[in-house]
Amino acid sequence: MNREWMRELLESFKALCEAYQDENRRTSDYTDTLRAINDQMAFQMPTVREILKRLDRALAQEVKEP
């Protein structure tokens, strides 16, 4: 298990979540920026869930797309 890679991926996903939340606060419309962030999150989501399943199964179930 490559823990450094997993940590980097989780940190990247967290940054995407924060960017999505910040952009969503700025506008009430679904912008191209939000769409791009959402696409990146959707791409990472399966891997993030698999990592989280190994750390905490309940937490993995709570992670959903925006």
C-alpha atoms as a PDB file:
ATOM      1  CA  MET A   1       0.000   0.000   0.000  1.00  0.00           C
ATOM      2  CA  ASN A   2       1.477   3.321  -1.058  1.00  0.00           C
ATOM      3  CA  ARG A   3       0.436   5.581   1.791  1.00  0.00           C
ATOM      4  CA  GLU A   4       2.063   8.697   0.354  1.00  0.00           C
ATOM      5  CA  TRP A   5       0.104   8.323  -2.909  1.00  0.00           C
ATOM      6  CA  MET A   6      -3.134   7.774  -0.976  1.00  0.00           C
ATOM      7  CA  ARG A   7      -2.474  10.834   1.193  1.00  0.00           C
ATOM      8  CA  GLU A   8      -1.781  12.961  -1.885  1.00  0.00           C
ATOM      9  CA  LEU A   9      -4.954  11.800  -3.602  1.00  0.00           C
ATOM     10  CA  LEU A  10      -7.084  12.481  -0.520  1.00  0.00           C
ATOM     11  CA  GLU A  11      -5.525  15.934  -0.133  1.00  0.00           C
ATOM     12  CA  SER A  12      -6.194  16.642  -3.807  1.00  0.00           C
ATOM     13  CA  PHE A  13      -9.813  15.547  -3.418  1.00  0.00           C
ATOM     14  CA  LYS A  14     -10.214  17.687  -0.308  1.00  0.00           C
ATOM     15  CA  ALA A  15      -8.848  20.698  -2.193  1.00  0.00           C
ATOM     16  CA  LEU A  16     -11.357  20.061  -4.978  1.00  0.00           C
ATOM     17  CA  CYS A  17     -14.198  19.906  -2.442  1.00  0.00           C
ATOM     18  CA  GLU A  18     -13.080  23.197  -0.912  1.00  0.00           C
ATOM     19  CA  ALA A  19     -12.731  24.831  -4.342  1.00  0.00           C
ATOM     20  CA  TYR A  20     -16.220  23.643  -5.271  1.00  0.00           C
ATOM     21  CA  GLN A  21     -17.657  25.009  -2.048  1.00  0.00           C
ATOM     22  CA  ASP A  22     -15.892  28.369  -2.472  1.00  0.00           C
ATOM     23  CA  GLU A  23     -17.030  28.744  -6.087  1.00  0.00           C
ATOM     24  CA  ASN A  24     -20.570  27.694  -5.171  1.00  0.00           C
ATOM     25  CA  ARG A  25     -20.692  30.437  -2.528  1.00  0.00           C
ATOM     26  CA  ARG A  26     -19.616  33.046  -5.090  1.00  0.00           C
ATOM     27  CA  THR A  27     -22.374  32.320  -7.559  1.00  0.00           C
ATOM     28  CA  SER A  28     -25.835  30.832  -7.575  1.00  0.00           C
ATOM     29  CA  ASP A  29     -25.375  29.541 -11.137  1.00  0.00           C
ATOM     30  CA  TYR A  30     -23.775  26.289 -12.220  1.00  0.00           C
ATOM     31  CA  THR A  31     -20.706  27.811 -13.879  1.00  0.00           C
ATOM     32  CA  ASP A  32     -18.092  26.288 -16.150  1.00  0.00           C
ATOM     33  CA  THR A  33     -15.723  26.400 -13.175  1.00  0.00           C
ATOM     34  CA  LEU A  34     -18.114  24.363 -11.038  1.00  0.00           C
ATOM     35  CA  ARG A  35     -18.622  21.927 -13.884  1.00  0.00           C
ATOM     36  CA  ALA A  36     -14.853  21.484 -14.311  1.00  0.00           C
ATOM     37  CA  ILE A  37     -14.321  20.928 -10.581  1.00  0.00           C
ATOM     38  CA  ASN A  38     -17.226  18.485 -10.483  1.00  0.00           C
ATOM     39  CA  ASP A  39     -15.746  16.557 -13.412  1.00  0.00           C
ATOM     40  CA  GLN A  40     -12.408  16.269 -11.611  1.00  0.00           C
ATOM     41  CA  MET A  41     -14.164  15.118  -8.444  1.00  0.00           C
ATOM     42  CA  ALA A  42     -16.153  12.512 -10.360  1.00  0.00           C
ATOM     43  CA  PHE A  43     -12.937  11.199 -11.922  1.00  0.00           C
ATOM     44  CA  GLN A  44     -11.249  10.844  -8.508  1.00  0.00           C
ATOM     45  CA  MET A  45     -14.331   9.599  -6.634  1.00  0.00           C
ATOM     46  CA  PRO A  46     -13.999   5.819  -7.229  1.00  0.00           C
ATOM     47  CA  THR A  47     -10.382   5.785  -6.059  1.00  0.00           C
ATOM     48  CA  VAL A  48     -11.115   8.038  -3.090  1.00  0.00           C
ATOM     49  CA  ARG A  49     -13.936   5.738  -1.981  1.00  0.00           C
ATOM     50  CA  GLU A  50     -11.687   2.676  -2.214  1.00  0.00           C
ATOM     51  CA  ILE A  51      -9.043   4.368  -0.082  1.00  0.00           C
ATOM     52  CA  LEU A  52     -11.636   5.450   2.462  1.00  0.00           C
ATOM     53  CA  LYS A  53     -13.135   1.950   2.613  1.00  0.00           C
ATOM     54  CA  ARG A  54      -9.787   0.707   3.869  1.00  0.00           C
ATOM     55  CA  LEU A  55      -9.612   3.474   6.465  1.00  0.00           C
ATOM     56  CA  ASP A  56     -13.246   3.763   7.572  1.00  0.00           C
ATOM     57  CA  ARG A  57     -16.119   2.020   5.774  1.00  0.00           C
ATOM     58  CA  ALA A  58     -18.762   4.354   7.196  1.00  0.00           C
ATOM     59  CA  LEU A  59     -16.865   7.410   6.039  1.00  0.00           C
ATOM     60  CA  ALA A  60     -16.581   6.021   2.496  1.00  0.00           C
ATOM     61  CA  GLN A  61     -20.376   5.783   2.299  1.00  0.00           C
ATOM     62  CA  GLU A  62     -20.778   9.420   3.315  1.00  0.00           C
ATOM     63  CA  VAL A  63     -18.614  10.772   0.490  1.00  0.00           C
ATOM     64  CA  LYS A  64     -20.839  11.904  -2.320  1.00  0.00           C
ATOM     65  CA  GLU A  65     -20.481  14.157  -5.314  1.00  0.00           C
ATOM     66  CA  PRO A  66     -21.658  17.739  -4.859  1.00  0.00           C
END
